Structures are given as C-alpha cells and as structure tokens.
PDB file of all heavy atoms in Angstrom:
ATOM      1  N   GLY A   1       0.761  -1.213   0.070  1.00  0.00           N
ATOM      2  CA  GLY A   1      -0.051  -0.003   0.022  1.00  0.00           C
ATOM      3  C   GLY A   1       0.756   1.327   0.047  1.00  0.00           C
ATOM      4  O   GLY A   1       0.300   2.400   0.176  1.00  0.00           O
ATOM      5  N   TYR A   2       2.118   1.191  -0.078  1.00  0.00           N
ATOM      6  CA  TYR A   2       2.979   2.413  -0.204  1.00  0.00           C
ATOM      7  C   TYR A   2       2.732   3.197  -1.562  1.00  0.00           C
ATOM      8  O   TYR A   2       2.821   2.410  -2.606  1.00  0.00           O
ATOM      9  CB  TYR A   2       4.397   2.163   0.010  1.00  0.00           C
ATOM     10  CG  TYR A   2       4.779   1.739   1.529  1.00  0.00           C
ATOM     11  CD1 TYR A   2       4.396   0.466   1.922  1.00  0.00           C
ATOM     12  CD2 TYR A   2       5.270   2.673   2.254  1.00  0.00           C
ATOM     13  CE1 TYR A   2       4.781   0.139   3.252  1.00  0.00           C
ATOM     14  CE2 TYR A   2       5.580   2.478   3.599  1.00  0.00           C
ATOM     15  CZ  TYR A   2       5.304   1.126   4.076  1.00  0.00           C
ATOM     16  OH  TYR A   2       5.568   0.764   5.397  1.00  0.00           O
ATOM     17  N   GLN A   3       2.499   4.317  -1.577  1.00  0.00           N
ATOM     18  CA  GLN A   3       2.071   5.096  -2.764  1.00  0.00           C
ATOM     19  C   GLN A   3       3.142   5.606  -3.572  1.00  0.00           C
ATOM     20  O   GLN A   3       3.104   5.818  -4.823  1.00  0.00           O
ATOM     21  CB  GLN A   3       0.973   6.113  -2.520  1.00  0.00           C
ATOM     22  CG  GLN A   3      -0.378   5.421  -1.915  1.00  0.00           C
ATOM     23  CD  GLN A   3      -1.290   6.492  -1.511  1.00  0.00           C
ATOM     24  OE1 GLN A   3      -1.277   7.595  -2.073  1.00  0.00           O
ATOM     25  NE2 GLN A   3      -2.181   6.230  -0.531  1.00  0.00           N
ATOM     26  N   ASN A   4       4.289   5.979  -2.935  1.00  0.00           N
ATOM     27  CA  ASN A   4       5.422   6.602  -3.578  1.00  0.00           C
ATOM     28  C   ASN A   4       6.702   6.076  -3.073  1.00  0.00           C
ATOM     29  O   ASN A   4       7.156   6.501  -1.890  1.00  0.00           O
ATOM     30  CB  ASN A   4       5.316   8.243  -3.392  1.00  0.00           C
ATOM     31  CG  ASN A   4       6.386   8.922  -4.107  1.00  0.00           C
ATOM     32  OD1 ASN A   4       7.033   8.306  -4.957  1.00  0.00           O
ATOM     33  ND2 ASN A   4       6.634  10.084  -3.789  1.00  0.00           N
ATOM     34  N   VAL A   5       7.295   5.148  -3.735  1.00  0.00           N
ATOM     35  CA  VAL A   5       8.543   4.683  -3.380  1.00  0.00           C
ATOM     36  C   VAL A   5       9.672   5.216  -4.138  1.00  0.00           C
ATOM     37  O   VAL A   5       9.848   4.805  -5.334  1.00  0.00           O
ATOM     38  CB  VAL A   5       8.553   3.089  -3.418  1.00  0.00           C
ATOM     39  CG1 VAL A   5       9.828   2.519  -2.944  1.00  0.00           C
ATOM     40  CG2 VAL A   5       7.301   2.480  -2.686  1.00  0.00           C
ATOM     41  N   SER A   6      10.507   6.074  -3.675  1.00  0.00           N
ATOM     42  CA  SER A   6      11.484   6.767  -4.456  1.00  0.00           C
ATOM     43  C   SER A   6      12.838   6.218  -4.115  1.00  0.00           C
ATOM     44  O   SER A   6      13.072   5.883  -2.887  1.00  0.00           O
ATOM     45  CB  SER A   6      11.458   8.258  -4.166  1.00  0.00           C
ATOM     46  OG  SER A   6      11.771   8.487  -2.893  1.00  0.00           O
ATOM     47  N   VAL A   7      13.698   6.106  -5.086  1.00  0.00           N
ATOM     48  CA  VAL A   7      15.000   5.604  -4.886  1.00  0.00           C
ATOM     49  C   VAL A   7      16.098   6.588  -5.330  1.00  0.00           C
ATOM     50  O   VAL A   7      15.998   7.058  -6.441  1.00  0.00           O
ATOM     51  CB  VAL A   7      15.238   4.213  -5.639  1.00  0.00           C
ATOM     52  CG1 VAL A   7      16.807   3.713  -5.514  1.00  0.00           C
ATOM     53  CG2 VAL A   7      14.243   3.214  -5.208  1.00  0.00           C
ATOM     54  N   ILE A   8      17.033   6.938  -4.469  1.00  0.00           N
ATOM     55  CA  ILE A   8      18.069   7.875  -4.872  1.00  0.00           C
ATOM     56  C   ILE A   8      19.417   6.912  -4.969  1.00  0.00           C
ATOM     57  O   ILE A   8      19.573   5.932  -4.384  1.00  0.00           O
ATOM     58  CB  ILE A   8      18.333   9.069  -3.885  1.00  0.00           C
ATOM     59  CG1 ILE A   8      18.589   8.516  -2.396  1.00  0.00           C
ATOM     60  CG2 ILE A   8      17.048   9.990  -3.798  1.00  0.00           C
ATOM     61  CD1 ILE A   8      18.842   9.479  -1.538  1.00  0.00           C
ATOM     62  N   TRP A   9      20.407   7.578  -5.713  1.00  0.00           N
ATOM     63  CA  TRP A   9      21.574   6.813  -5.948  1.00  0.00           C
ATOM     64  C   TRP A   9      22.738   7.571  -5.297  1.00  0.00           C
ATOM     65  O   TRP A   9      23.000   8.782  -5.528  1.00  0.00           O
ATOM     66  CB  TRP A   9      21.738   6.663  -7.488  1.00  0.00           C
ATOM     67  CG  TRP A   9      20.681   5.972  -8.122  1.00  0.00           C
ATOM     68  CD1 TRP A   9      19.516   6.462  -8.503  1.00  0.00           C
ATOM     69  CD2 TRP A   9      20.552   4.570  -8.436  1.00  0.00           C
ATOM     70  NE1 TRP A   9      18.637   5.500  -9.164  1.00  0.00           N
ATOM     71  CE2 TRP A   9      19.279   4.335  -8.989  1.00  0.00           C
ATOM     72  CE3 TRP A   9      21.427   3.542  -8.196  1.00  0.00           C
ATOM     73  CZ2 TRP A   9      18.867   3.104  -9.482  1.00  0.00           C
ATOM     74  CZ3 TRP A   9      21.053   2.259  -8.686  1.00  0.00           C
ATOM     75  CH2 TRP A   9      19.701   2.016  -9.335  1.00  0.00           C
ATOM     76  N   ARG A  10      23.502   6.880  -4.632  1.00  0.00           N
ATOM     77  CA  ARG A  10      24.758   7.353  -3.899  1.00  0.00           C
ATOM     78  C   ARG A  10      25.828   6.329  -4.001  1.00  0.00           C
ATOM     79  O   ARG A  10      25.615   5.174  -4.408  1.00  0.00           O
ATOM     80  CB  ARG A  10      24.419   7.756  -2.465  1.00  0.00           C
ATOM     81  CG  ARG A  10      23.488   8.790  -2.240  1.00  0.00           C
ATOM     82  CD  ARG A  10      23.925  10.249  -2.809  1.00  0.00           C
ATOM     83  NE  ARG A  10      22.872  11.212  -2.446  1.00  0.00           N
ATOM     84  CZ  ARG A  10      22.040  11.672  -3.285  1.00  0.00           C
ATOM     85  NH1 ARG A  10      21.783  11.045  -4.404  1.00  0.00           N
ATOM     86  NH2 ARG A  10      21.113  12.647  -2.891  1.00  0.00           N
ATOM     87  N   SER A  11      26.951   6.659  -3.640  1.00  0.00           N
ATOM     88  CA  SER A  11      28.130   5.648  -3.502  1.00  0.00           C
ATOM     89  C   SER A  11      27.677   4.674  -2.449  1.00  0.00           C
ATOM     90  O   SER A  11      26.778   4.977  -1.522  1.00  0.00           O
ATOM     91  CB  SER A  11      29.422   6.247  -3.081  1.00  0.00           C
ATOM     92  OG  SER A  11      29.367   6.689  -1.766  1.00  0.00           O
ATOM     93  N   TRP A  12      28.111   3.438  -2.411  1.00  0.00           N
ATOM     94  CA  TRP A  12      27.719   2.254  -1.572  1.00  0.00           C
ATOM     95  C   TRP A  12      28.171   2.764  -0.093  1.00  0.00           C
ATOM     96  O   TRP A  12      27.263   2.638   0.775  1.00  0.00           O
ATOM     97  CB  TRP A  12      28.339   0.993  -1.982  1.00  0.00           C
ATOM     98  CG  TRP A  12      27.852   0.511  -3.215  1.00  0.00           C
ATOM     99  CD1 TRP A  12      28.377   0.492  -4.507  1.00  0.00           C
ATOM    100  CD2 TRP A  12      26.633  -0.196  -3.371  1.00  0.00           C
ATOM    101  NE1 TRP A  12      27.514  -0.096  -5.367  1.00  0.00           N
ATOM    102  CE2 TRP A  12      26.480  -0.533  -4.722  1.00  0.00           C
ATOM    103  CE3 TRP A  12      25.642  -0.536  -2.463  1.00  0.00           C
ATOM    104  CZ2 TRP A  12      25.365  -1.220  -5.197  1.00  0.00           C
ATOM    105  CZ3 TRP A  12      24.419  -1.232  -3.017  1.00  0.00           C
ATOM    106  CH2 TRP A  12      24.344  -1.571  -4.253  1.00  0.00           C
ATOM    107  N   LEU A  13      29.275   3.361   0.069  1.00  0.00           N
ATOM    108  CA  LEU A  13      29.687   3.831   1.330  1.00  0.00           C
ATOM    109  C   LEU A  13      28.808   4.870   1.894  1.00  0.00           C
ATOM    110  O   LEU A  13      28.272   4.831   3.033  1.00  0.00           O
ATOM    111  CB  LEU A  13      31.135   4.359   1.320  1.00  0.00           C
ATOM    112  CG  LEU A  13      31.779   4.428   2.546  1.00  0.00           C
ATOM    113  CD1 LEU A  13      31.983   3.083   3.295  1.00  0.00           C
ATOM    114  CD2 LEU A  13      33.325   5.029   2.362  1.00  0.00           C
ATOM    115  N   LYS A  14      28.448   5.889   1.018  1.00  0.00           N
ATOM    116  CA  LYS A  14      27.472   7.111   1.519  1.00  0.00           C
ATOM    117  C   LYS A  14      26.074   6.551   1.752  1.00  0.00           C
ATOM    118  O   LYS A  14      25.467   6.916   2.785  1.00  0.00           O
ATOM    119  CB  LYS A  14      27.497   8.040   0.311  1.00  0.00           C
ATOM    120  CG  LYS A  14      26.800   9.261   0.753  1.00  0.00           C
ATOM    121  CD  LYS A  14      27.376  10.085   1.994  1.00  0.00           C
ATOM    122  CE  LYS A  14      26.635  11.394   2.264  1.00  0.00           C
ATOM    123  NZ  LYS A  14      27.214  11.947   3.473  1.00  0.00           N
ATOM    124  N   GLY A  15      25.617   5.667   0.817  1.00  0.00           N
ATOM    125  CA  GLY A  15      24.240   5.167   0.914  1.00  0.00           C
ATOM    126  C   GLY A  15      24.043   4.487   2.337  1.00  0.00           C
ATOM    127  O   GLY A  15      22.926   4.592   3.001  1.00  0.00           O
ATOM    128  N   PHE A  16      25.048   3.659   2.682  1.00  0.00           N
ATOM    129  CA  PHE A  16      24.973   2.828   3.969  1.00  0.00           C
ATOM    130  C   PHE A  16      24.992   3.745   5.113  1.00  0.00           C
ATOM    131  O   PHE A  16      24.351   3.546   6.072  1.00  0.00           O
ATOM    132  CB  PHE A  16      26.007   1.729   3.934  1.00  0.00           C
ATOM    133  CG  PHE A  16      25.804   0.782   5.075  1.00  0.00           C
ATOM    134  CD1 PHE A  16      24.952  -0.215   4.986  1.00  0.00           C
ATOM    135  CD2 PHE A  16      26.664   0.895   6.206  1.00  0.00           C
ATOM    136  CE1 PHE A  16      24.703  -1.070   6.059  1.00  0.00           C
ATOM    137  CE2 PHE A  16      26.554  -0.086   7.276  1.00  0.00           C
ATOM    138  CZ  PHE A  16      25.547  -1.033   7.138  1.00  0.00           C
ATOM    139  N   GLU A  17      25.794   4.728   5.063  1.00  0.00           N
ATOM    140  CA  GLU A  17      26.051   5.744   6.033  1.00  0.00           C
ATOM    141  C   GLU A  17      24.692   6.427   6.350  1.00  0.00           C
ATOM    142  O   GLU A  17      24.305   6.632   7.401  1.00  0.00           O
ATOM    143  CB  GLU A  17      27.130   6.832   5.663  1.00  0.00           C
ATOM    144  CG  GLU A  17      27.353   7.879   6.666  1.00  0.00           C
ATOM    145  CD  GLU A  17      28.415   8.881   6.154  1.00  0.00           C
ATOM    146  OE1 GLU A  17      29.508   8.585   6.260  1.00  0.00           O
ATOM    147  OE2 GLU A  17      28.054   9.946   5.617  1.00  0.00           O
ATOM    148  N   MET A  18      24.000   6.795   5.211  1.00  0.00           N
ATOM    149  CA  MET A  18      22.828   7.528   5.311  1.00  0.00           C
ATOM    150  C   MET A  18      21.672   6.616   6.009  1.00  0.00           C
ATOM    151  O   MET A  18      20.772   7.074   6.769  1.00  0.00           O
ATOM    152  CB  MET A  18      22.261   8.029   3.981  1.00  0.00           C
ATOM    153  CG  MET A  18      23.220   9.128   3.291  1.00  0.00           C
ATOM    154  SD  MET A  18      22.611   9.399   1.506  1.00  0.00           S
ATOM    155  CE  MET A  18      21.072  10.133   1.749  1.00  0.00           C
ATOM    156  N   THR A  19      21.670   5.395   5.630  1.00  0.00           N
ATOM    157  CA  THR A  19      20.832   4.505   6.220  1.00  0.00           C
ATOM    158  C   THR A  19      21.147   4.202   7.719  1.00  0.00           C
ATOM    159  O   THR A  19      20.056   4.298   8.533  1.00  0.00           O
ATOM    160  CB  THR A  19      20.848   3.077   5.593  1.00  0.00           C
ATOM    161  OG1 THR A  19      20.651   3.265   4.112  1.00  0.00           O
ATOM    162  CG2 THR A  19      19.929   2.111   5.990  1.00  0.00           C
ATOM    163  N   VAL A  20      22.288   4.127   8.137  1.00  0.00           N
ATOM    164  CA  VAL A  20      22.646   3.916   9.483  1.00  0.00           C
ATOM    165  C   VAL A  20      22.212   5.159  10.304  1.00  0.00           C
ATOM    166  O   VAL A  20      21.658   4.993  11.388  1.00  0.00           O
ATOM    167  CB  VAL A  20      24.203   3.695   9.645  1.00  0.00           C
ATOM    168  CG1 VAL A  20      24.519   3.765  11.166  1.00  0.00           C
ATOM    169  CG2 VAL A  20      24.562   2.313   9.045  1.00  0.00           C
ATOM    170  N   GLU A  21      22.311   6.339   9.683  1.00  0.00           N
ATOM    171  CA  GLU A  21      21.946   7.555  10.455  1.00  0.00           C
ATOM    172  C   GLU A  21      20.504   7.910  10.363  1.00  0.00           C
ATOM    173  O   GLU A  21      20.155   8.919  10.943  1.00  0.00           O
ATOM    174  CB  GLU A  21      22.705   8.746   9.864  1.00  0.00           C
ATOM    175  CG  GLU A  21      24.309   8.689  10.101  1.00  0.00           C
ATOM    176  CD  GLU A  21      25.122   9.784   9.330  1.00  0.00           C
ATOM    177  OE1 GLU A  21      24.439  10.485   8.524  1.00  0.00           O
ATOM    178  OE2 GLU A  21      26.269   9.784   9.584  1.00  0.00           O
ATOM    179  N   GLY A  22      19.696   7.066   9.620  1.00  0.00           N
ATOM    180  CA  GLY A  22      18.314   7.317   9.561  1.00  0.00           C
ATOM    181  C   GLY A  22      17.823   8.367   8.685  1.00  0.00           C
ATOM    182  O   GLY A  22      16.651   8.829   8.763  1.00  0.00           O
ATOM    183  N   ARG A  23      18.631   8.864   7.717  1.00  0.00           N
ATOM    184  CA  ARG A  23      18.414   9.930   6.849  1.00  0.00           C
ATOM    185  C   ARG A  23      17.610   9.309   5.822  1.00  0.00           C
ATOM    186  O   ARG A  23      16.989  10.225   5.008  1.00  0.00           O
ATOM    187  CB  ARG A  23      19.635  10.551   6.371  1.00  0.00           C
ATOM    188  CG  ARG A  23      20.293  11.467   7.448  1.00  0.00           C
ATOM    189  CD  ARG A  23      21.381  12.255   6.958  1.00  0.00           C
ATOM    190  NE  ARG A  23      22.671  11.591   6.690  1.00  0.00           N
ATOM    191  CZ  ARG A  23      23.621  11.803   5.740  1.00  0.00           C
ATOM    192  NH1 ARG A  23      23.314  12.790   5.008  1.00  0.00           N
ATOM    193  NH2 ARG A  23      24.643  11.062   5.642  1.00  0.00           N
ATOM    194  N   VAL A  24      17.557   8.109   5.522  1.00  0.00           N
ATOM    195  CA  VAL A  24      16.679   7.491   4.515  1.00  0.00           C
ATOM    196  C   VAL A  24      15.953   6.361   5.136  1.00  0.00           C
ATOM    197  O   VAL A  24      16.305   5.928   6.217  1.00  0.00           O
ATOM    198  CB  VAL A  24      17.376   6.986   3.238  1.00  0.00           C
ATOM    199  CG1 VAL A  24      17.912   8.175   2.469  1.00  0.00           C
ATOM    200  CG2 VAL A  24      18.565   6.096   3.638  1.00  0.00           C
ATOM    201  N   ASP A  25      14.924   5.770   4.496  1.00  0.00           N
ATOM    202  CA  ASP A  25      14.080   4.671   5.029  1.00  0.00           C
ATOM    203  C   ASP A  25      14.700   3.347   4.836  1.00  0.00           C
ATOM    204  O   ASP A  25      14.207   2.430   5.466  1.00  0.00           O
ATOM    205  CB  ASP A  25      12.627   4.851   4.586  1.00  0.00           C
ATOM    206  CG  ASP A  25      11.956   6.076   4.937  1.00  0.00           C
ATOM    207  OD1 ASP A  25      12.166   6.484   6.169  1.00  0.00           O
ATOM    208  OD2 ASP A  25      11.326   6.565   4.024  1.00  0.00           O
ATOM    209  N   GLY A  26      15.702   3.172   4.077  1.00  0.00           N
ATOM    210  CA  GLY A  26      16.401   1.888   3.930  1.00  0.00           C
ATOM    211  C   GLY A  26      17.314   1.795   2.724  1.00  0.00           C
ATOM    212  O   GLY A  26      17.383   2.828   1.906  1.00  0.00           O
ATOM    213  N   THR A  27      17.957   0.759   2.603  1.00  0.00           N
ATOM    214  CA  THR A  27      18.934   0.601   1.486  1.00  0.00           C
ATOM    215  C   THR A  27      18.956  -0.926   1.078  1.00  0.00           C
ATOM    216  O   THR A  27      18.560  -1.795   1.870  1.00  0.00           O
ATOM    217  CB  THR A  27      20.341   1.099   1.771  1.00  0.00           C
ATOM    218  OG1 THR A  27      21.065   0.994   0.433  1.00  0.00           O
ATOM    219  CG2 THR A  27      21.043   0.277   2.815  1.00  0.00           C
ATOM    220  N   PHE A  28      19.573  -1.191  -0.029  1.00  0.00           N
ATOM    221  CA  PHE A  28      19.731  -2.662  -0.464  1.00  0.00           C
ATOM    222  C   PHE A  28      20.654  -2.635  -1.734  1.00  0.00           C
ATOM    223  O   PHE A  28      21.043  -1.660  -2.265  1.00  0.00           O
ATOM    224  CB  PHE A  28      18.297  -2.975  -0.995  1.00  0.00           C
ATOM    225  CG  PHE A  28      17.732  -2.054  -2.067  1.00  0.00           C
ATOM    226  CD1 PHE A  28      17.961  -2.270  -3.463  1.00  0.00           C
ATOM    227  CD2 PHE A  28      16.975  -0.995  -1.766  1.00  0.00           C
ATOM    228  CE1 PHE A  28      17.550  -1.395  -4.368  1.00  0.00           C
ATOM    229  CE2 PHE A  28      16.590  -0.035  -2.634  1.00  0.00           C
ATOM    230  CZ  PHE A  28      16.808  -0.253  -4.100  1.00  0.00           C
ATOM    231  N   PRO A  29      21.066  -3.802  -2.358  1.00  0.00           N
ATOM    232  CA  PRO A  29      20.977  -5.084  -1.478  1.00  0.00           C
ATOM    233  C   PRO A  29      22.327  -5.256  -0.654  1.00  0.00           C
ATOM    234  O   PRO A  29      23.417  -5.030  -1.088  1.00  0.00           O
ATOM    235  CB  PRO A  29      20.948  -6.128  -2.650  1.00  0.00           C
ATOM    236  CG  PRO A  29      21.729  -5.409  -3.788  1.00  0.00           C
ATOM    237  CD  PRO A  29      21.553  -3.943  -3.585  1.00  0.00           C
ATOM    238  N   TYR A  30      22.201  -5.825   0.445  1.00  0.00           N
ATOM    239  CA  TYR A  30      23.339  -5.987   1.364  1.00  0.00           C
ATOM    240  C   TYR A  30      23.322  -7.510   1.906  1.00  0.00           C
ATOM    241  O   TYR A  30      22.406  -7.995   2.182  1.00  0.00           O
ATOM    242  CB  TYR A  30      23.243  -5.119   2.549  1.00  0.00           C
ATOM    243  CG  TYR A  30      23.920  -3.753   2.145  1.00  0.00           C
ATOM    244  CD1 TYR A  30      23.136  -2.769   1.563  1.00  0.00           C
ATOM    245  CD2 TYR A  30      25.296  -3.391   2.381  1.00  0.00           C
ATOM    246  CE1 TYR A  30      23.654  -1.399   1.171  1.00  0.00           C
ATOM    247  CE2 TYR A  30      25.757  -2.201   1.978  1.00  0.00           C
ATOM    248  CZ  TYR A  30      24.999  -1.316   1.362  1.00  0.00           C
ATOM    249  OH  TYR A  30      25.517  -0.045   0.972  1.00  0.00           O
ATOM    250  N   ALA A  31      24.631  -8.001   2.071  1.00  0.00           N
ATOM    251  CA  ALA A  31      24.814  -9.315   2.757  1.00  0.00           C
ATOM    252  C   ALA A  31      25.080  -8.947   4.218  1.00  0.00           C
ATOM    253  O   ALA A  31      25.341  -7.893   4.669  1.00  0.00           O
ATOM    254  CB  ALA A  31      25.938 -10.131   2.180  1.00  0.00           C
ATOM    255  N   GLN A  32      24.698  -9.988   5.008  1.00  0.00           N
ATOM    256  CA  GLN A  32      25.073  -9.795   6.554  1.00  0.00           C
ATOM    257  C   GLN A  32      26.410  -9.960   6.849  1.00  0.00           C
ATOM    258  O   GLN A  32      27.124 -10.893   6.300  1.00  0.00           O
ATOM    259  CB  GLN A  32      24.225 -10.845   7.311  1.00  0.00           C
ATOM    260  CG  GLN A  32      22.724 -10.570   7.425  1.00  0.00           C
ATOM    261  CD  GLN A  32      22.003 -11.473   8.371  1.00  0.00           C
ATOM    262  OE1 GLN A  32      22.686 -12.303   9.062  1.00  0.00           O
ATOM    263  NE2 GLN A  32      20.696 -11.403   8.470  1.00  0.00           N
ATOM    264  N   THR A  33      27.042  -9.161   7.733  1.00  0.00           N
ATOM    265  CA  THR A  33      28.326  -9.283   8.357  1.00  0.00           C
ATOM    266  C   THR A  33      28.065  -8.955   9.842  1.00  0.00           C
ATOM    267  O   THR A  33      27.006  -8.302  10.259  1.00  0.00           O
ATOM    268  CB  THR A  33      29.314  -8.329   7.819  1.00  0.00           C
ATOM    269  OG1 THR A  33      29.019  -6.906   8.073  1.00  0.00           O
ATOM    270  CG2 THR A  33      29.475  -8.548   6.256  1.00  0.00           C
ATOM    271  N   PRO A  34      28.925  -9.381  10.669  1.00  0.00           N
ATOM    272  CA  PRO A  34      28.791  -9.105  12.197  1.00  0.00           C
ATOM    273  C   PRO A  34      28.730  -7.561  12.433  1.00  0.00           C
ATOM    274  O   PRO A  34      27.932  -7.227  13.262  1.00  0.00           O
ATOM    275  CB  PRO A  34      29.966  -9.790  12.817  1.00  0.00           C
ATOM    276  CG  PRO A  34      30.354 -10.846  11.849  1.00  0.00           C
ATOM    277  CD  PRO A  34      30.052 -10.375  10.478  1.00  0.00           C
ATOM    278  N   SER A  35      29.539  -6.849  11.782  1.00  0.00           N
ATOM    279  CA  SER A  35      29.396  -5.367  12.053  1.00  0.00           C
ATOM    280  C   SER A  35      28.329  -4.757  11.496  1.00  0.00           C
ATOM    281  O   SER A  35      27.789  -3.765  12.109  1.00  0.00           O
ATOM    282  CB  SER A  35      30.690  -4.778  11.355  1.00  0.00           C
ATOM    283  OG  SER A  35      30.792  -4.894   9.933  1.00  0.00           O
ATOM    284  N   ARG A  36      27.700  -5.221  10.450  1.00  0.00           N
ATOM    285  CA  ARG A  36      26.501  -4.546   9.885  1.00  0.00           C
ATOM    286  C   ARG A  36      25.243  -4.795  10.772  1.00  0.00           C
ATOM    287  O   ARG A  36      24.302  -4.103  10.904  1.00  0.00           O
ATOM    288  CB  ARG A  36      26.255  -5.060   8.490  1.00  0.00           C
ATOM    289  CG  ARG A  36      27.196  -4.493   7.406  1.00  0.00           C
ATOM    290  CD  ARG A  36      27.041  -5.123   5.986  1.00  0.00           C
ATOM    291  NE  ARG A  36      27.843  -4.536   5.059  1.00  0.00           N
ATOM    292  CZ  ARG A  36      27.970  -5.021   3.699  1.00  0.00           C
ATOM    293  NH1 ARG A  36      27.371  -6.111   3.529  1.00  0.00           N
ATOM    294  NH2 ARG A  36      28.788  -4.452   3.099  1.00  0.00           N
ATOM    295  N   LYS A  37      25.259  -6.036  11.374  1.00  0.00           N
ATOM    296  CA  LYS A  37      24.095  -6.467  12.172  1.00  0.00           C
ATOM    297  C   LYS A  37      23.954  -5.647  13.404  1.00  0.00           C
ATOM    298  O   LYS A  37      22.959  -5.537  14.015  1.00  0.00           O
ATOM    299  CB  LYS A  37      24.323  -7.866  12.572  1.00  0.00           C
ATOM    300  CG  LYS A  37      24.097  -8.948  11.513  1.00  0.00           C
ATOM    301  CD  LYS A  37      24.451 -10.293  11.835  1.00  0.00           C
ATOM    302  CE  LYS A  37      23.311 -10.854  12.839  1.00  0.00           C
ATOM    303  NZ  LYS A  37      23.462 -12.346  12.971  1.00  0.00           N
ATOM    304  N   LYS A  38      25.068  -4.875  13.882  1.00  0.00           N
ATOM    305  CA  LYS A  38      24.933  -3.904  14.870  1.00  0.00           C
ATOM    306  C   LYS A  38      24.264  -2.603  14.388  1.00  0.00           C
ATOM    307  O   LYS A  38      23.951  -1.943  15.382  1.00  0.00           O
ATOM    308  CB  LYS A  38      26.482  -3.769  15.474  1.00  0.00           C
ATOM    309  CG  LYS A  38      27.080  -4.915  15.980  1.00  0.00           C
ATOM    310  CD  LYS A  38      28.471  -4.568  16.515  1.00  0.00           C
ATOM    311  CE  LYS A  38      29.252  -5.744  17.007  1.00  0.00           C
ATOM    312  NZ  LYS A  38      30.697  -5.525  17.321  1.00  0.00           N
ATOM    313  N   LEU A  39      24.331  -2.403  13.141  1.00  0.00           N
ATOM    314  CA  LEU A  39      23.921  -0.968  12.719  1.00  0.00           C
ATOM    315  C   LEU A  39      22.582  -0.981  11.980  1.00  0.00           C
ATOM    316  O   LEU A  39      21.887   0.085  11.908  1.00  0.00           O
ATOM    317  CB  LEU A  39      25.006  -0.605  11.728  1.00  0.00           C
ATOM    318  CG  LEU A  39      26.488  -0.378  12.243  1.00  0.00           C
ATOM    319  CD1 LEU A  39      27.362  -0.106  11.168  1.00  0.00           C
ATOM    320  CD2 LEU A  39      26.385   0.810  13.384  1.00  0.00           C
ATOM    321  N   VAL A  40      22.201  -2.054  11.385  1.00  0.00           N
ATOM    322  CA  VAL A  40      21.045  -2.150  10.583  1.00  0.00           C
ATOM    323  C   VAL A  40      20.166  -3.434  10.841  1.00  0.00           C
ATOM    324  O   VAL A  40      20.667  -4.410  11.376  1.00  0.00           O
ATOM    325  CB  VAL A  40      21.265  -2.174   9.038  1.00  0.00           C
ATOM    326  CG1 VAL A  40      21.852  -0.861   8.784  1.00  0.00           C
ATOM    327  CG2 VAL A  40      22.049  -3.316   8.653  1.00  0.00           C
ATOM    328  N   LEU A  41      18.840  -3.358  10.642  1.00  0.00           N
ATOM    329  CA  LEU A  41      17.957  -4.543  10.633  1.00  0.00           C
ATOM    330  C   LEU A  41      17.867  -5.165   9.332  1.00  0.00           C
ATOM    331  O   LEU A  41      17.859  -4.465   8.274  1.00  0.00           O
ATOM    332  CB  LEU A  41      16.574  -4.203  11.108  1.00  0.00           C
ATOM    333  CG  LEU A  41      16.482  -3.525  12.583  1.00  0.00           C
ATOM    334  CD1 LEU A  41      15.026  -3.314  12.820  1.00  0.00           C
ATOM    335  CD2 LEU A  41      17.106  -4.385  13.589  1.00  0.00           C
ATOM    336  N   PHE A  42      17.900  -6.480   9.184  1.00  0.00           N
ATOM    337  CA  PHE A  42      17.882  -7.209   7.907  1.00  0.00           C
ATOM    338  C   PHE A  42      16.465  -7.739   7.668  1.00  0.00           C
ATOM    339  O   PHE A  42      15.870  -8.291   8.616  1.00  0.00           O
ATOM    340  CB  PHE A  42      18.860  -8.285   7.915  1.00  0.00           C
ATOM    341  CG  PHE A  42      20.326  -7.739   7.758  1.00  0.00           C
ATOM    342  CD1 PHE A  42      21.030  -7.334   8.891  1.00  0.00           C
ATOM    343  CD2 PHE A  42      20.924  -7.761   6.585  1.00  0.00           C
ATOM    344  CE1 PHE A  42      22.284  -6.942   8.733  1.00  0.00           C
ATOM    345  CE2 PHE A  42      22.238  -7.292   6.323  1.00  0.00           C
ATOM    346  CZ  PHE A  42      22.894  -6.829   7.591  1.00  0.00           C
ATOM    347  N   SER A  43      16.057  -7.715   6.375  1.00  0.00           N
ATOM    348  CA  SER A  43      14.812  -8.348   6.071  1.00  0.00           C
ATOM    349  C   SER A  43      15.044  -9.815   5.752  1.00  0.00           C
ATOM    350  O   SER A  43      16.003 -10.313   6.158  1.00  0.00           O
ATOM    351  CB  SER A  43      14.321  -7.641   4.662  1.00  0.00           C
ATOM    352  OG  SER A  43      15.283  -8.116   3.637  1.00  0.00           O
ATOM    353  N   GLU A  44      13.829 -10.521   5.382  1.00  0.00           N
ATOM    354  CA  GLU A  44      14.072 -11.766   4.864  1.00  0.00           C
ATOM    355  C   GLU A  44      14.937 -11.761   3.521  1.00  0.00           C
ATOM    356  O   GLU A  44      14.917 -10.797   2.964  1.00  0.00           O
ATOM    357  CB  GLU A  44      12.687 -12.377   4.470  1.00  0.00           C
ATOM    358  CG  GLU A  44      11.744 -12.622   5.678  1.00  0.00           C
ATOM    359  CD  GLU A  44      12.255 -13.665   6.740  1.00  0.00           C
ATOM    360  OE1 GLU A  44      12.801 -14.671   6.118  1.00  0.00           O
ATOM    361  OE2 GLU A  44      12.321 -13.517   7.826  1.00  0.00           O
TER     362      GLU A  44
END
C-alpha cells in the first residue's frame, strides 16, 4: 500500500552511512556481516 517509493543513488559507502543515520528509510542489497548487524535490521 505504499504509494510513492522513491530511490536515490549514492556511492555504496555514502548510502549505507545515510541508512545507519536514519536519513533514508532503507537501502539494498546487502549481505550480513557481524559489524553490519549492529547497525541495521535485515529483512528476509
């Protein structure tokens, strides 16, 4: 039911940083690592 799903493009490093800081609603696609699991929630 989401009506407007917009995607912006940044470097991988910058995009992940923006996600960790909560400046965007999410990012993809990422594999799990121990360090990432401390910073982000993973989907199925």
